[in-house]
Amino acid sequence: MLSKSLIVGNLWRKFWGGAIQIRLSKDDQTDYGKYVMWSGAVPFGWYFRDTWKANLGENWALKLCIEWYNYDGLRDNFLRNVYTNIPCPCTLSQALNDFGRFTPLPTCEMMGDSSCIYTKGAQHCIVSTNSMPDSGTEMCCYDYNGWLMFSQDYEQSTDYLRYFSAGVPYRANPWGGYVFKKPLYVPTWSNFYNDLLPYDVCCRWAGHCEFYYWRRATSGCQNYEPAVIGTAYGHGHFITFDGMKYSFSGRGYFVLTQLKTADRNL
């Protein structure tokens, strides 16, 4: 359909991935969208490979990778905000305890889907629950010894990605963000086009993951501050965030914590 559009023209050739539609009728004017099945996000290398090879030559995948590398380098540097404001936890235990700032990556979770299709060699990966204003998002992975994996440890080899693929910051959050319909904020698709598909192009198709990791270097953990826990129990017993224990048995009503804004009082 894209190739037939006068408005889109040959822009369809820039789509390296997308969704596949299966329907019983030939067009949507006869069944009004009924009896239609959609796939999830799918890289199109298997479909356009021969076309790309004919147009770009034997090194078609590397040329596509370098094209993305140059394009991504011209965009806003989202890494600066992520490195400064959302450093990775250093160890797996810290990552598991920091459930306020991070949540498991759905495709690489030790208690769920452990396929880790984009992060081979990882035992568990986490994604920051909040993104930066420019949609930059932290993603960190941990090996089976519980240590943070670094993309800087990648070695250029055809077999290396089978057992090592570190976590990297994302330009777009997998769950999108407000206002959702804008570029970089669309759930699933923004992350697929900006972060996952370039991995497929550079790492899997071209075999030159160094280009991808040069644009997506793992965040360090030297500025990470571990999450702490405060506790209230019994009749007025408290353990504060700094570990101090005390009891308070005063009578009446007291405020433990309060948040006042223009439209609410919590």
Protein backbone atom coordinates (compact mmCIF):
# COMPACT_ATOMS: atom_id res chain seq x y z
CA MET A 1 0.00 0.00 0.00
CA LEU A 2 2.83 2.41 0.79
CA SER A 3 4.42 1.94 -2.63
CA LYS A 4 1.19 2.96 -4.37
CA SER A 5 0.73 6.21 -2.48
CA LEU A 6 1.54 9.39 -4.42
CA ILE A 7 2.12 11.24 -1.16
CA VAL A 8 4.52 8.72 0.34
CA GLY A 9 6.26 7.91 -2.94
CA ASN A 10 9.35 5.76 -2.38
CA LEU A 11 9.48 6.54 1.32
CA TRP A 12 8.40 2.96 1.97
CA ARG A 13 11.97 1.93 1.22
CA LYS A 14 13.03 3.61 4.47
CA PHE A 15 10.79 1.37 6.55
CA TRP A 16 13.12 -1.32 7.88
CA GLY A 17 10.42 -2.82 10.08
CA GLY A 18 6.73 -2.62 10.88
CA ALA A 19 3.63 -4.76 11.34
CA ILE A 20 2.21 -7.43 9.05
CA GLN A 21 -1.51 -7.53 8.29
CA ILE A 22 -3.40 -10.68 7.32
CA ARG A 23 -6.94 -10.26 6.01
CA LEU A 24 -9.50 -12.26 4.04
CA SER A 25 -10.45 -9.52 1.58
CA LYS A 26 -8.20 -7.55 -0.75
CA ASP A 27 -8.92 -4.11 0.69
CA ASP A 28 -10.39 -2.48 3.77
CA GLN A 29 -13.34 -1.03 1.84
CA THR A 30 -15.10 -4.38 1.59
CA ASP A 31 -14.78 -5.77 5.11
CA TYR A 32 -14.36 -2.53 7.11
CA GLY A 33 -11.50 -3.96 9.11
CA LYS A 34 -13.22 -7.21 10.07
CA TYR A 35 -11.43 -10.55 9.86
CA VAL A 36 -8.04 -8.89 10.16
CA MET A 37 -5.00 -10.04 12.12
CA TRP A 38 -1.97 -7.86 12.92
CA SER A 39 1.46 -9.01 13.96
CA GLY A 40 3.60 -7.29 16.52
CA ALA A 41 6.64 -5.21 15.57
CA VAL A 42 8.66 -7.16 12.96
CA PRO A 43 12.02 -6.33 11.30
CA PHE A 44 11.66 -6.52 7.51
CA GLY A 45 15.10 -7.85 6.65
CA TRP A 46 13.68 -11.21 5.58
CA TYR A 47 11.30 -9.47 3.15
CA PHE A 48 13.40 -6.66 1.65
CA ARG A 49 16.80 -8.38 1.77
CA ASP A 50 16.94 -9.16 -1.94
CA THR A 51 15.75 -5.65 -2.84
CA TRP A 52 18.32 -4.02 -0.57
CA LYS A 53 21.03 -6.31 -1.88
CA ALA A 54 20.17 -5.42 -5.48
CA ASN A 55 20.12 -1.68 -4.76
CA LEU A 56 22.97 -1.39 -2.24
CA GLY A 57 25.23 -4.35 -3.02
CA GLU A 58 26.60 -7.17 -0.90
CA ASN A 59 27.24 -4.84 2.06
CA TRP A 60 23.64 -3.61 2.13
CA ALA A 61 23.25 -4.25 5.86
CA LEU A 62 26.41 -2.33 6.77
CA LYS A 63 25.31 0.58 4.58
CA LEU A 64 21.93 0.69 6.32
CA CYS A 65 23.69 0.56 9.68
CA ILE A 66 26.01 3.44 8.81
CA GLU A 67 23.02 5.40 7.47
CA TRP A 68 21.31 5.01 10.86
CA TYR A 69 24.57 5.78 12.70
CA ASN A 70 24.98 9.08 10.87
CA TYR A 71 21.32 10.01 11.25
CA ASP A 72 21.22 9.23 14.97
CA GLY A 73 24.35 11.29 15.52
CA LEU A 74 22.58 14.38 14.16
CA ARG A 75 19.72 14.10 16.62
CA ASP A 76 19.49 15.50 20.15
CA ASN A 77 21.99 13.97 22.57
CA PHE A 78 19.56 12.25 24.94
CA LEU A 79 22.37 10.27 26.58
CA ARG A 80 23.64 13.28 28.50
CA ASN A 81 20.42 13.57 30.52
CA VAL A 82 20.14 9.83 31.09
CA TYR A 83 23.74 9.43 32.28
CA THR A 84 23.39 12.36 34.68
CA ASN A 85 19.93 11.72 36.10
CA ILE A 86 19.27 7.97 35.86
CA PRO A 87 22.47 6.00 36.52
CA CYS A 88 22.24 2.21 36.56
CA PRO A 89 22.30 0.25 39.83
CA CYS A 90 25.67 -1.49 40.16
CA THR A 91 24.38 -4.94 41.11
CA LEU A 92 21.33 -7.11 40.54
CA SER A 93 20.35 -6.96 44.22
CA GLN A 94 20.31 -3.16 44.08
CA ALA A 95 18.24 -3.28 40.89
CA LEU A 96 15.66 -5.61 42.43
CA ASN A 97 15.34 -3.45 45.54
CA ASP A 98 14.95 -0.22 43.57
CA PHE A 99 11.40 -0.98 42.42
CA GLY A 100 10.33 2.65 42.70
CA ARG A 101 12.69 3.96 40.03
CA PHE A 102 13.02 0.84 37.89
CA THR A 103 10.79 -1.96 36.61
CA PRO A 104 11.70 -5.27 34.90
CA LEU A 105 12.16 -5.28 31.13
CA PRO A 106 9.27 -7.47 29.88
CA THR A 107 11.46 -9.37 27.40
CA CYS A 108 14.24 -10.16 29.88
CA GLU A 109 12.91 -10.84 33.36
CA MET A 110 14.21 -13.51 35.70
CA MET A 111 10.70 -14.12 37.09
CA GLY A 112 8.97 -14.01 33.69
CA ASP A 113 10.05 -13.99 30.05
CA SER A 114 13.74 -14.88 30.10
CA SER A 115 14.22 -15.07 26.32
CA CYS A 116 16.23 -11.81 26.37
CA ILE A 117 16.12 -11.56 22.58
CA TYR A 118 17.91 -8.20 22.53
CA THR A 119 20.04 -8.75 25.64
CA LYS A 120 21.61 -12.20 25.38
CA GLY A 121 23.68 -13.27 28.35
CA ALA A 122 21.63 -11.23 30.79
CA GLN A 123 19.89 -12.77 33.76
CA HIS A 124 17.66 -9.77 34.37
CA CYS A 125 17.14 -6.32 32.85
CA ILE A 126 15.41 -3.22 34.19
CA VAL A 127 13.94 -0.07 32.64
CA SER A 128 13.55 3.27 34.40
CA THR A 129 9.92 3.93 35.34
CA ASN A 130 10.25 7.59 34.42
CA SER A 131 11.74 9.03 31.26
CA MET A 132 13.54 12.29 30.75
CA PRO A 133 11.56 15.16 29.15
CA ASP A 134 13.15 14.27 25.79
CA SER A 135 11.90 10.66 26.26
CA GLY A 136 15.39 9.28 27.06
CA THR A 137 15.08 6.13 29.18
CA GLU A 138 17.55 4.03 31.15
CA MET A 139 17.88 0.28 30.55
CA CYS A 140 20.35 -1.84 32.50
CA CYS A 141 21.12 -5.58 32.39
CA TYR A 142 22.85 -7.93 34.82
CA ASP A 143 24.77 -11.13 34.17
CA TYR A 144 24.41 -14.42 36.04
CA ASN A 145 26.92 -13.25 38.65
CA GLY A 146 24.71 -10.26 39.40
CA TRP A 147 27.00 -7.60 37.89
CA LEU A 148 26.04 -4.77 35.57
CA MET A 149 26.83 -5.59 31.92
CA PHE A 150 28.60 -2.91 29.87
CA SER A 151 28.34 -2.46 26.12
CA GLN A 152 31.92 -1.21 26.25
CA ASP A 153 32.96 -4.85 26.83
CA TYR A 154 31.60 -5.91 23.44
CA GLU A 155 34.09 -7.58 21.12
CA GLN A 156 33.55 -7.57 17.36
CA SER A 157 32.77 -11.19 16.54
CA THR A 158 30.04 -13.03 14.64
CA ASP A 159 29.35 -15.29 17.64
CA TYR A 160 29.74 -12.76 20.44
CA LEU A 161 26.12 -11.61 20.44
CA ARG A 162 24.94 -15.15 21.08
CA TYR A 163 26.04 -14.87 24.70
CA PHE A 164 26.70 -11.17 25.35
CA SER A 165 24.50 -8.18 24.63
CA ALA A 166 24.48 -5.50 27.33
CA GLY A 167 21.71 -3.14 28.34
CA VAL A 168 21.79 0.34 26.81
CA PRO A 169 19.88 3.61 27.24
CA TYR A 170 16.83 3.99 25.03
CA ARG A 171 15.94 7.07 23.03
CA ALA A 172 12.27 6.13 23.50
CA ASN A 173 10.52 4.42 26.41
CA PRO A 174 8.96 1.01 25.57
CA TRP A 175 5.69 2.18 27.13
CA GLY A 176 5.69 5.54 25.42
CA GLY A 177 4.89 8.76 27.21
CA TYR A 178 2.60 11.75 27.27
CA VAL A 179 1.15 12.78 24.78
CA PHE A 180 1.65 9.33 23.25
CA LYS A 181 0.91 10.24 19.60
CA LYS A 182 4.04 12.34 19.05
CA PRO A 183 7.30 10.89 17.69
CA LEU A 184 9.37 9.25 20.47
CA TYR A 185 6.27 8.92 22.69
CA VAL A 186 4.25 6.22 20.88
CA PRO A 187 4.08 3.02 23.00
CA THR A 188 6.06 0.11 21.53
CA TRP A 189 6.63 1.66 18.10
CA SER A 190 8.86 4.58 19.09
CA ASN A 191 11.14 2.22 20.99
CA PHE A 192 11.08 -0.29 18.15
CA TYR A 193 12.08 2.20 15.44
CA ASN A 194 14.58 4.20 17.48
CA ASP A 195 16.29 1.53 19.59
CA LEU A 196 15.44 -2.08 18.73
CA LEU A 197 15.40 -1.96 14.93
CA PRO A 198 18.85 -0.28 14.77
CA TYR A 199 20.12 -3.19 16.89
CA ASP A 200 18.75 -5.63 14.31
CA VAL A 201 20.29 -3.70 11.42
CA CYS A 202 23.76 -3.16 12.90
CA CYS A 203 24.21 -6.18 15.15
CA ARG A 204 22.27 -9.02 13.57
CA TRP A 205 22.23 -8.15 9.88
CA ALA A 206 25.52 -6.30 9.44
CA GLY A 207 27.52 -7.99 12.20
CA HIS A 208 28.97 -4.64 13.25
CA CYS A 209 27.41 -3.96 16.63
CA GLU A 210 30.16 -1.48 17.46
CA PHE A 211 28.24 1.16 15.49
CA TYR A 212 25.16 0.58 17.62
CA TYR A 213 27.09 0.59 20.89
CA TRP A 214 28.94 3.77 19.95
CA ARG A 215 25.53 5.46 19.92
CA ARG A 216 24.14 3.52 22.89
CA ALA A 217 26.91 3.12 25.47
CA THR A 218 25.83 1.61 28.80
CA SER A 219 25.46 4.06 31.67
CA GLY A 220 27.92 3.77 34.52
CA CYS A 221 26.87 3.22 38.13
CA GLN A 222 29.43 5.40 39.92
CA ASN A 223 26.78 8.07 40.63
CA TYR A 224 24.07 5.62 41.65
CA GLU A 225 22.56 6.06 45.11
CA PRO A 226 20.90 2.83 46.34
CA ALA A 227 17.27 2.93 47.34
CA VAL A 228 16.59 3.03 51.08
CA ILE A 229 13.53 1.93 53.03
CA GLY A 230 11.63 3.65 55.81
CA THR A 231 9.30 1.68 58.08
CA ALA A 232 6.38 2.45 60.38
CA TYR A 233 4.96 -0.31 62.57
CA GLY A 234 3.04 -0.95 65.78
CA HIS A 235 1.93 2.01 67.87
CA GLY A 236 4.18 4.83 66.79
CA HIS A 237 7.40 2.96 65.96
CA PHE A 238 9.48 4.28 63.06
CA ILE A 239 12.68 3.49 61.20
CA THR A 240 13.70 6.50 59.11
CA PHE A 241 15.42 6.48 55.72
CA ASP A 242 18.80 7.00 57.37
CA GLY A 243 18.29 3.96 59.65
CA MET A 244 17.41 5.79 62.87
CA LYS A 245 14.86 4.04 65.12
CA TYR A 246 12.50 5.88 67.41
CA SER A 247 9.05 5.62 68.98
CA PHE A 248 6.42 8.33 69.17
CA SER A 249 3.39 7.86 71.39
CA GLY A 250 1.85 11.34 71.35
CA ARG A 251 -1.91 11.72 71.41
CA GLY A 252 -3.96 13.42 68.75
CA TYR A 253 -3.58 13.73 64.99
CA PHE A 254 -0.17 14.14 63.40
CA VAL A 255 1.05 14.45 59.82
CA LEU A 256 3.70 11.96 58.69
CA THR A 257 4.14 13.43 55.21
CA GLN A 258 2.18 15.97 53.20
CA LEU A 259 2.16 17.28 49.66
CA LYS A 260 0.36 20.49 48.80
CA THR A 261 -0.17 21.70 45.27
CA ALA A 262 -2.52 24.17 43.64
CA ASP A 263 -5.16 21.51 42.96
CA ARG A 264 -4.69 18.90 45.67
CA ASN A 265 -3.60 18.23 49.23
CA LEU A 266 -2.16 14.78 49.94
